[in-house]
């Protein structure tokens, strides 16, 4: 059987105050096109796995909810036999995501937002899919011998413990249930978690001390593990993959390739599982350039970046007045403008020098501080060449001199 693995849609995401809803709609259309293309090629997908962080925040905007609703409706209408497995990530609200999950399950749309039914698989073309949402303290109960259930694995006094124990218990319950009822079927886990050693891809990071990270070795019993949470596509273990986010959501992810993962499972053995990366072409690529302001405005080599989301790292020593409106005349989607570190390092006064200036008591200290300020603001050349800066300096000198006389 064959299924498509993706995750981390972050619907409703704002990128430097820019709504990405149009980009996300374009991405979902590309996902649908992949499903359609596979069907036309005679190798249709049996399932679509969306491994968490469907929305970007717990209270998503209405248009993001509408976008997901329309997408699920279209997929079900056009591909009624495909099972859609969708689980909650750390950005999602379980309560909101789980709305209507009962009726939707009858339409082959399986939403998992809690751990109440983690041992009950979705059977798709002879494979058992188990869903595990983002784990929170107390979300799993330890099963004792027989039918009894003990209190939650973590009580209030131990709620600060990490996810490893929760995952250990979840894996134990799932594998025992699978062996008892579906041992002859491939066992596939869909989960949203942070495997230790995974590259963060510029977006999701671990907590202090790594308390939210898990040892990927505990995932060994599964035929395949479809992971979400990390934004770069990568292997977390020999049988576990992050699909990564289908769009770049930070400038740290600039120029990074984005994918859907096509997974073919032929038996219970991991050796018989094949993973193929399906490139995702975005509506707007994410790019970052480092150059002078004049270069950004006039270098023909940057002409191809007009439709990209742009970050400009300016190397000029002088401050540029109102740079964003000017940049937008060439790059309509420029989102960020900043100065390179070298500019602040080569200013007229280092931090220690400023402290020395502020601590001085002589009469000239005020003028020196103001001169250092102008130099950092406009650059050293402006002090001698810019008429307006020279005029500002002279006005300050007159005011400062008048105040000194009065004192």
Protein backbone atom coordinates (compact mmCIF):
# COMPACT_ATOMS: atom_id res chain seq x y z
CA UNK A 1 0.00 0.00 0.00
CA UNK A 2 1.03 3.58 -0.65
CA UNK A 3 0.36 6.74 1.35
CA UNK A 4 1.37 10.39 1.37
CA UNK A 5 3.05 11.79 4.48
CA UNK A 6 3.06 15.51 5.31
CA UNK A 7 2.84 17.73 8.42
CA UNK A 8 3.18 21.21 9.89
CA UNK A 9 0.81 23.15 7.64
CA UNK A 10 0.54 25.97 10.23
CA UNK A 11 -2.60 27.28 8.53
CA UNK A 12 -3.20 30.92 9.48
CA UNK A 13 0.52 31.64 9.85
CA UNK A 14 1.64 35.26 9.72
CA UNK A 15 5.14 35.86 8.36
CA UNK A 16 6.39 39.32 9.37
CA UNK A 17 2.75 40.50 9.48
CA UNK A 18 2.13 38.99 6.04
CA UNK A 19 -0.72 36.46 5.85
CA UNK A 20 0.38 33.24 4.15
CA UNK A 21 -3.13 31.99 3.48
CA UNK A 22 -2.77 32.41 -0.29
CA UNK A 23 0.53 30.50 -0.18
CA UNK A 24 -1.03 27.76 1.92
CA UNK A 25 -3.98 27.44 -0.44
CA UNK A 26 -1.50 27.10 -3.33
CA UNK A 27 0.35 24.39 -1.38
CA UNK A 28 -2.85 22.44 -0.68
CA UNK A 29 -3.68 22.57 -4.37
CA UNK A 30 -0.24 21.09 -5.08
CA UNK A 31 -0.98 18.32 -2.59
CA UNK A 32 -4.25 17.57 -4.33
CA UNK A 33 -2.44 17.55 -7.68
CA UNK A 34 -0.03 14.92 -6.33
CA UNK A 35 -2.96 12.72 -5.32
CA UNK A 36 -4.54 13.20 -8.74
CA UNK A 37 -1.30 12.50 -10.57
CA UNK A 38 -0.76 9.26 -8.66
CA UNK A 39 -4.27 8.12 -9.52
CA UNK A 40 -3.78 8.87 -13.22
CA UNK A 41 -0.50 6.90 -13.15
CA UNK A 42 -2.33 3.86 -11.81
CA UNK A 43 -0.59 4.02 -8.42
CA UNK A 44 -3.16 5.79 -6.23
CA UNK A 45 -2.52 6.70 -2.62
CA UNK A 46 -4.56 4.83 -0.04
CA UNK A 47 -4.03 7.37 2.75
CA UNK A 48 -2.95 10.91 3.50
CA UNK A 49 -1.17 11.47 6.83
CA UNK A 50 -1.01 15.01 8.26
CA UNK A 51 1.20 14.64 11.34
CA UNK A 52 0.24 17.63 13.45
CA UNK A 53 0.41 21.44 13.62
CA UNK A 54 -2.46 21.75 11.20
CA UNK A 55 -3.05 25.30 12.46
CA UNK A 56 -0.45 27.81 13.58
CA UNK A 57 -2.18 28.71 16.84
CA UNK A 58 -4.79 27.33 19.17
CA UNK A 59 -7.40 29.87 18.06
CA UNK A 60 -6.96 29.93 14.28
CA UNK A 61 -8.46 32.71 12.15
CA UNK A 62 -11.77 31.94 10.49
CA UNK A 63 -10.30 31.94 6.99
CA UNK A 64 -7.75 29.29 8.03
CA UNK A 65 -10.55 27.08 9.38
CA UNK A 66 -12.47 27.61 6.15
CA UNK A 67 -9.40 26.70 4.10
CA UNK A 68 -8.96 23.39 5.94
CA UNK A 69 -12.68 22.63 5.73
CA UNK A 70 -12.74 23.24 1.99
CA UNK A 71 -9.62 21.13 1.50
CA UNK A 72 -10.98 18.15 3.42
CA UNK A 73 -14.32 18.42 1.62
CA UNK A 74 -12.66 18.52 -1.81
CA UNK A 75 -10.36 15.58 -1.06
CA UNK A 76 -13.22 13.46 0.22
CA UNK A 77 -15.39 14.28 -2.80
CA UNK A 78 -12.65 13.72 -5.37
CA UNK A 79 -10.93 10.78 -3.64
CA UNK A 80 -13.64 9.09 -1.54
CA UNK A 81 -11.56 5.97 -0.91
CA UNK A 82 -8.55 7.82 0.56
CA UNK A 83 -8.26 7.78 4.34
CA UNK A 84 -7.12 11.10 5.82
CA UNK A 85 -5.33 10.79 9.18
CA UNK A 86 -4.96 14.11 10.92
CA UNK A 87 -3.56 14.58 14.43
CA UNK A 88 -3.01 17.47 16.82
CA UNK A 89 0.39 19.10 17.22
CA UNK A 90 1.66 21.45 19.90
CA UNK A 91 0.33 24.48 17.97
CA UNK A 92 -3.19 23.07 17.67
CA UNK A 93 -6.14 23.29 20.04
CA UNK A 94 -7.32 19.73 20.59
CA UNK A 95 -10.85 20.87 21.35
CA UNK A 96 -11.21 22.93 18.18
CA UNK A 97 -9.48 20.43 15.92
CA UNK A 98 -11.62 17.56 17.22
CA UNK A 99 -14.90 19.27 16.34
CA UNK A 100 -17.10 16.81 14.38
CA UNK A 101 -14.39 14.13 14.42
CA UNK A 102 -17.08 11.48 15.07
CA UNK A 103 -19.14 12.16 11.93
CA UNK A 104 -16.00 12.81 9.90
CA UNK A 105 -14.57 9.40 10.75
CA UNK A 106 -17.44 7.87 8.76
CA UNK A 107 -16.17 9.85 5.78
CA UNK A 108 -12.66 8.34 6.09
CA UNK A 109 -11.35 11.48 7.86
CA UNK A 110 -9.75 10.34 11.12
CA UNK A 111 -8.87 13.14 13.56
CA UNK A 112 -6.82 12.30 16.67
CA UNK A 113 -6.50 14.96 19.36
CA UNK A 114 -6.14 12.93 22.56
CA UNK A 115 -4.69 9.61 23.71
CA UNK A 116 -7.95 7.91 24.63
CA UNK A 117 -7.91 5.64 21.58
CA UNK A 118 -4.26 5.30 20.71
CA UNK A 119 -4.51 1.49 20.64
CA UNK A 120 -7.34 1.52 18.12
CA UNK A 121 -5.85 1.60 14.60
CA UNK A 122 -7.24 2.81 11.32
CA UNK A 123 -6.94 -0.17 8.95
CA UNK A 124 -6.05 0.91 5.42
CA UNK A 125 -5.37 -1.65 2.67
CA UNK A 126 -3.90 -4.22 5.02
CA UNK A 127 -1.88 -1.81 7.19
CA UNK A 128 -2.63 -0.61 10.73
CA UNK A 129 -2.21 3.14 11.32
CA UNK A 130 -1.91 4.32 14.94
CA UNK A 131 -2.15 8.03 15.77
CA UNK A 132 -0.34 9.76 18.61
CA UNK A 133 -0.92 13.51 19.10
CA UNK A 134 1.53 15.83 20.83
CA UNK A 135 2.05 14.42 24.32
CA UNK A 136 1.31 16.48 27.41
CA UNK A 137 1.74 15.50 31.09
CA UNK A 138 -1.08 13.27 32.26
CA UNK A 139 -2.43 12.52 28.79
CA UNK A 140 -1.77 8.76 29.06
CA UNK A 141 -2.81 6.34 31.76
CA UNK A 142 -0.63 3.40 32.63
CA UNK A 143 -2.41 0.12 32.07
CA UNK A 144 -1.94 -2.46 34.79
CA UNK A 145 -2.23 -6.23 34.44
CA UNK A 146 -5.73 -7.27 33.46
CA UNK A 147 -8.43 -4.70 32.73
CA UNK A 148 -7.69 -2.21 35.52
CA UNK A 149 -6.29 1.23 34.88
CA UNK A 150 -4.10 2.97 37.42
CA UNK A 151 -4.05 6.75 37.95
CA UNK A 152 -2.39 8.92 35.28
CA UNK A 153 1.23 8.16 34.56
CA UNK A 154 2.13 11.62 35.84
CA UNK A 155 0.41 13.12 38.86
CA UNK A 156 0.50 16.84 39.70
CA UNK A 157 3.73 16.39 41.62
CA UNK A 158 5.59 15.13 38.53
CA UNK A 159 3.95 17.11 35.71
CA UNK A 160 7.25 18.76 34.81
CA UNK A 161 8.83 15.51 33.62
CA UNK A 162 9.58 15.14 29.90
CA UNK A 163 7.85 13.23 27.16
CA UNK A 164 10.07 10.14 27.10
CA UNK A 165 8.11 8.24 29.76
CA UNK A 166 4.83 9.15 28.08
CA UNK A 167 6.09 7.88 24.74
CA UNK A 168 7.49 4.70 26.31
CA UNK A 169 4.09 3.92 27.77
CA UNK A 170 2.26 4.80 24.55
CA UNK A 171 4.53 2.55 22.48
CA UNK A 172 4.11 -0.29 24.97
CA UNK A 173 0.32 -0.06 24.81
CA UNK A 174 0.21 0.22 21.02
CA UNK A 175 2.63 -2.62 20.30
CA UNK A 176 0.91 -4.96 22.77
CA UNK A 177 -2.49 -4.22 21.25
CA UNK A 178 -1.12 -4.62 17.74
CA UNK A 179 0.48 -8.00 18.45
CA UNK A 180 -2.72 -9.23 20.05
CA UNK A 181 -5.08 -8.26 17.22
CA UNK A 182 -3.20 -7.22 14.08
CA UNK A 183 0.21 -8.86 14.34
CA UNK A 184 0.20 -9.94 10.71
CA UNK A 185 -0.25 -6.34 9.43
CA UNK A 186 2.39 -3.62 8.99
CA UNK A 187 2.34 -1.30 12.02
CA UNK A 188 2.53 2.40 11.17
CA UNK A 189 2.73 5.17 13.78
CA UNK A 190 1.77 8.79 13.08
CA UNK A 191 3.13 11.12 15.77
CA UNK A 192 4.04 14.72 16.57
CA UNK A 193 7.22 14.83 18.65
CA UNK A 194 10.86 15.90 18.80
CA UNK A 195 13.36 13.10 18.24
CA UNK A 196 16.73 13.86 19.83
CA UNK A 197 19.42 14.61 17.28
CA UNK A 198 17.05 15.94 14.63
CA UNK A 199 17.95 19.18 12.88
CA UNK A 200 15.41 21.84 13.75
CA UNK A 201 15.25 23.39 10.29
CA UNK A 202 15.13 26.93 11.62
CA UNK A 203 11.72 26.76 13.23
CA UNK A 204 10.86 24.33 16.04
CA UNK A 205 13.42 24.02 18.84
CA UNK A 206 13.71 21.99 21.99
CA UNK A 207 13.11 23.24 25.50
CA UNK A 208 15.90 23.92 27.96
CA UNK A 209 17.59 20.69 28.95
CA UNK A 210 15.89 18.78 26.15
CA UNK A 211 12.96 17.73 28.34
CA UNK A 212 10.66 17.48 25.33
CA UNK A 213 13.03 15.36 23.28
CA UNK A 214 12.69 11.61 22.92
CA UNK A 215 15.03 8.77 22.07
CA UNK A 216 14.09 7.65 18.56
CA UNK A 217 15.20 4.14 19.49
CA UNK A 218 11.87 3.58 21.23
CA UNK A 219 10.22 3.74 17.78
CA UNK A 220 12.00 0.56 16.68
CA UNK A 221 8.91 -1.75 16.75
CA UNK A 222 7.10 0.10 13.96
CA UNK A 223 7.24 -0.59 10.24
CA UNK A 224 7.20 3.15 9.55
CA UNK A 225 6.85 6.25 11.72
CA UNK A 226 5.33 9.37 10.10
CA UNK A 227 6.57 12.31 12.18
CA UNK A 228 5.67 15.99 12.44
CA UNK A 229 7.13 18.89 14.46
CA UNK A 230 10.51 19.48 12.79
CA UNK A 231 10.32 21.67 9.69
CA UNK A 232 13.06 20.10 7.57
CA UNK A 233 12.54 16.76 5.86
CA UNK A 234 14.90 14.20 7.40
CA UNK A 235 15.32 10.75 8.83
CA UNK A 236 14.91 10.52 12.60
CA UNK A 237 15.66 6.78 12.69
CA UNK A 238 16.01 3.99 10.16
CA UNK A 239 12.21 3.58 10.14
CA UNK A 240 11.14 7.15 11.03
CA UNK A 241 10.89 10.27 8.87
CA UNK A 242 9.98 13.90 9.32
CA UNK A 243 8.24 15.16 6.20
CA UNK A 244 9.06 18.72 7.24
CA UNK A 245 6.75 21.67 6.68
CA UNK A 246 5.62 22.03 3.04
CA UNK A 247 6.42 25.76 3.15
CA UNK A 248 9.29 27.79 4.58
CA UNK A 249 8.09 29.74 7.60
CA UNK A 250 11.25 31.66 8.54
CA UNK A 251 14.25 33.20 6.82
CA UNK A 252 16.37 30.53 8.49
CA UNK A 253 14.63 28.15 6.07
CA UNK A 254 15.51 30.26 3.01
CA UNK A 255 16.48 28.27 -0.06
CA UNK A 256 15.53 25.03 1.70
CA UNK A 257 13.85 22.31 -0.33
CA UNK A 258 10.37 21.34 0.82
CA UNK A 259 8.69 17.99 0.22
CA UNK A 260 5.76 15.67 0.61
CA UNK A 261 6.86 12.10 1.31
CA UNK A 262 5.48 9.24 -0.76
CA UNK A 263 5.70 6.06 1.33
CA UNK A 264 5.24 2.53 -0.04
CA UNK A 265 4.82 -0.28 2.49
CA UNK A 266 5.13 -3.83 1.11
CA UNK A 267 5.33 -5.92 4.29
CA UNK A 268 5.84 -5.70 8.05
CA UNK A 269 9.58 -5.33 7.47
CA UNK A 270 11.14 -1.88 7.43
CA UNK A 271 13.46 -3.13 4.68
CA UNK A 272 10.46 -3.37 2.35
CA UNK A 273 9.43 0.25 2.94
CA UNK A 274 10.34 2.84 0.29
CA UNK A 275 10.28 6.62 0.85
CA UNK A 276 10.32 9.09 -2.04
CA UNK A 277 10.56 12.86 -1.72
CA UNK A 278 8.03 14.83 -3.76
CA UNK A 279 9.28 18.45 -4.17
CA UNK A 280 6.85 21.23 -3.26
CA UNK A 281 7.11 24.37 -5.40
CA UNK A 282 5.93 27.39 -3.36
CA UNK A 283 3.92 30.33 -4.59
CA UNK A 284 6.65 32.62 -3.19
CA UNK A 285 10.17 31.41 -2.48
CA UNK A 286 11.87 32.69 0.69
CA UNK A 287 15.16 34.46 0.03
CA UNK A 288 17.69 36.58 1.90
CA UNK A 289 20.25 38.91 0.33
CA UNK A 290 23.21 40.68 1.92
CA UNK A 291 24.40 43.76 0.06
CA UNK A 292 24.41 47.54 0.04
CA UNK A 293 21.12 49.36 -0.30
CA UNK A 294 22.09 50.71 -3.71
CA UNK A 295 22.95 47.19 -4.83
CA UNK A 296 19.58 45.88 -3.66
CA UNK A 297 17.80 48.60 -5.60
CA UNK A 298 19.74 48.42 -8.85
CA UNK A 299 21.73 45.18 -9.21
CA UNK A 300 20.18 43.33 -12.20
CA UNK A 301 21.21 40.04 -10.62
CA UNK A 302 18.42 40.46 -8.06
CA UNK A 303 15.73 40.99 -10.68
CA UNK A 304 14.55 37.39 -10.41
CA UNK A 305 13.67 37.87 -6.74
CA UNK A 306 10.75 40.21 -7.39
CA UNK A 307 8.09 37.62 -6.52
CA UNK A 308 9.96 36.17 -3.52
CA UNK A 309 9.58 36.89 0.16
CA UNK A 310 12.75 38.89 0.77
CA UNK A 311 14.94 39.77 3.72
CA UNK A 312 17.53 42.47 2.99
CA UNK A 313 20.64 42.48 5.17
CA UNK A 314 22.11 45.91 4.49
CA UNK A 315 25.90 46.35 4.64
CA UNK A 316 25.84 50.17 4.51
CA UNK A 317 27.46 52.05 7.36
CA UNK A 318 25.06 54.96 6.93
CA UNK A 319 21.44 54.73 7.99
CA UNK A 320 18.91 54.52 5.15
CA UNK A 321 15.85 56.69 5.61
CA UNK A 322 12.54 54.80 5.16
CA UNK A 323 14.10 51.84 3.33
CA UNK A 324 11.04 49.56 3.16
CA UNK A 325 8.82 51.76 0.92
CA UNK A 326 11.76 52.19 -1.44
CA UNK A 327 12.53 48.48 -1.51
CA UNK A 328 8.90 47.63 -2.23
CA UNK A 329 9.13 49.48 -5.53
CA UNK A 330 11.45 46.71 -6.65
CA UNK A 331 10.48 43.85 -4.34
CA UNK A 332 6.73 44.01 -3.59
CA UNK A 333 7.07 41.15 -1.09
CA UNK A 334 10.05 42.39 0.91
CA UNK A 335 9.30 41.52 4.54
CA UNK A 336 12.41 42.40 6.51
CA UNK A 337 15.19 44.98 6.42
CA UNK A 338 18.08 44.97 8.84
CA UNK A 339 21.72 45.95 9.06
CA UNK A 340 24.51 43.43 9.14
CA UNK A 341 26.48 42.90 12.31
CA UNK A 342 29.55 44.38 10.66
CA UNK A 343 27.84 47.78 10.58
CA UNK A 344 27.34 47.90 14.32
CA UNK A 345 30.85 46.55 14.88
CA UNK A 346 32.45 49.28 12.77
CA UNK A 347 30.49 52.22 14.18
CA UNK A 348 32.34 55.22 15.60
CA UNK A 349 31.96 54.08 19.19
CA UNK A 350 31.98 50.65 20.68
CA UNK A 351 29.80 49.82 23.66
CA UNK A 352 32.74 50.24 26.02
CA UNK A 353 33.60 53.59 24.43
CA UNK A 354 30.01 54.79 24.89
CA UNK A 355 30.20 53.84 28.56
CA UNK A 356 33.39 55.82 28.93
CA UNK A 357 31.80 58.84 27.25
CA UNK A 358 28.77 58.68 29.55
CA UNK A 359 30.97 58.47 32.65
CA UNK A 360 33.05 61.53 31.81
CA UNK A 361 32.38 64.80 33.65
CA UNK A 362 34.22 67.33 31.47
CA UNK A 363 32.30 69.95 29.51
CA UNK A 364 33.09 68.37 26.15
CA UNK A 365 31.51 65.00 27.02
CA UNK A 366 27.99 66.00 25.87
CA UNK A 367 29.28 67.06 22.45
CA UNK A 368 31.32 63.87 22.14
CA UNK A 369 28.29 61.72 22.99
CA UNK A 370 26.16 63.57 20.46
CA UNK A 371 28.86 63.27 17.80
CA UNK A 372 29.17 59.52 18.45
CA UNK A 373 25.39 59.22 18.16
CA UNK A 374 25.34 61.01 14.80
CA UNK A 375 28.25 58.91 13.58
CA UNK A 376 26.40 55.68 14.44
CA UNK A 377 23.21 57.03 12.91
CA UNK A 378 24.57 58.42 9.64
CA UNK A 379 28.14 57.11 9.36
CA UNK A 380 31.49 58.85 9.75
CA UNK A 381 31.49 60.35 6.25
CA UNK A 382 28.24 62.20 6.92
CA UNK A 383 29.83 64.22 9.74
CA UNK A 384 31.99 66.07 7.25
CA UNK A 385 30.07 65.76 3.97
CA UNK A 386 26.34 65.89 4.80
CA UNK A 387 25.12 69.48 5.13
CA UNK A 388 22.09 68.53 7.23
CA UNK A 389 24.19 66.53 9.70
CA UNK A 390 26.68 69.38 9.96
CA UNK A 391 23.80 71.78 10.63
CA UNK A 392 22.38 69.46 13.34
CA UNK A 393 25.82 69.30 14.98
CA UNK A 394 26.19 73.09 14.97
CA UNK A 395 22.70 73.59 16.46
CA UNK A 396 23.52 71.16 19.25
CA UNK A 397 26.80 72.93 19.98
CA UNK A 398 25.02 76.27 20.32
CA UNK A 399 22.33 74.82 22.60
CA UNK A 400 24.86 72.96 24.73
CA UNK A 401 27.06 76.04 25.01
CA UNK A 402 24.09 78.18 26.06
CA UNK A 403 23.10 75.67 28.76
CA UNK A 404 26.67 75.53 30.07
CA UNK A 405 26.76 79.35 30.38
CA UNK A 406 23.50 79.37 32.29
CA UNK A 407 24.82 76.78 34.73
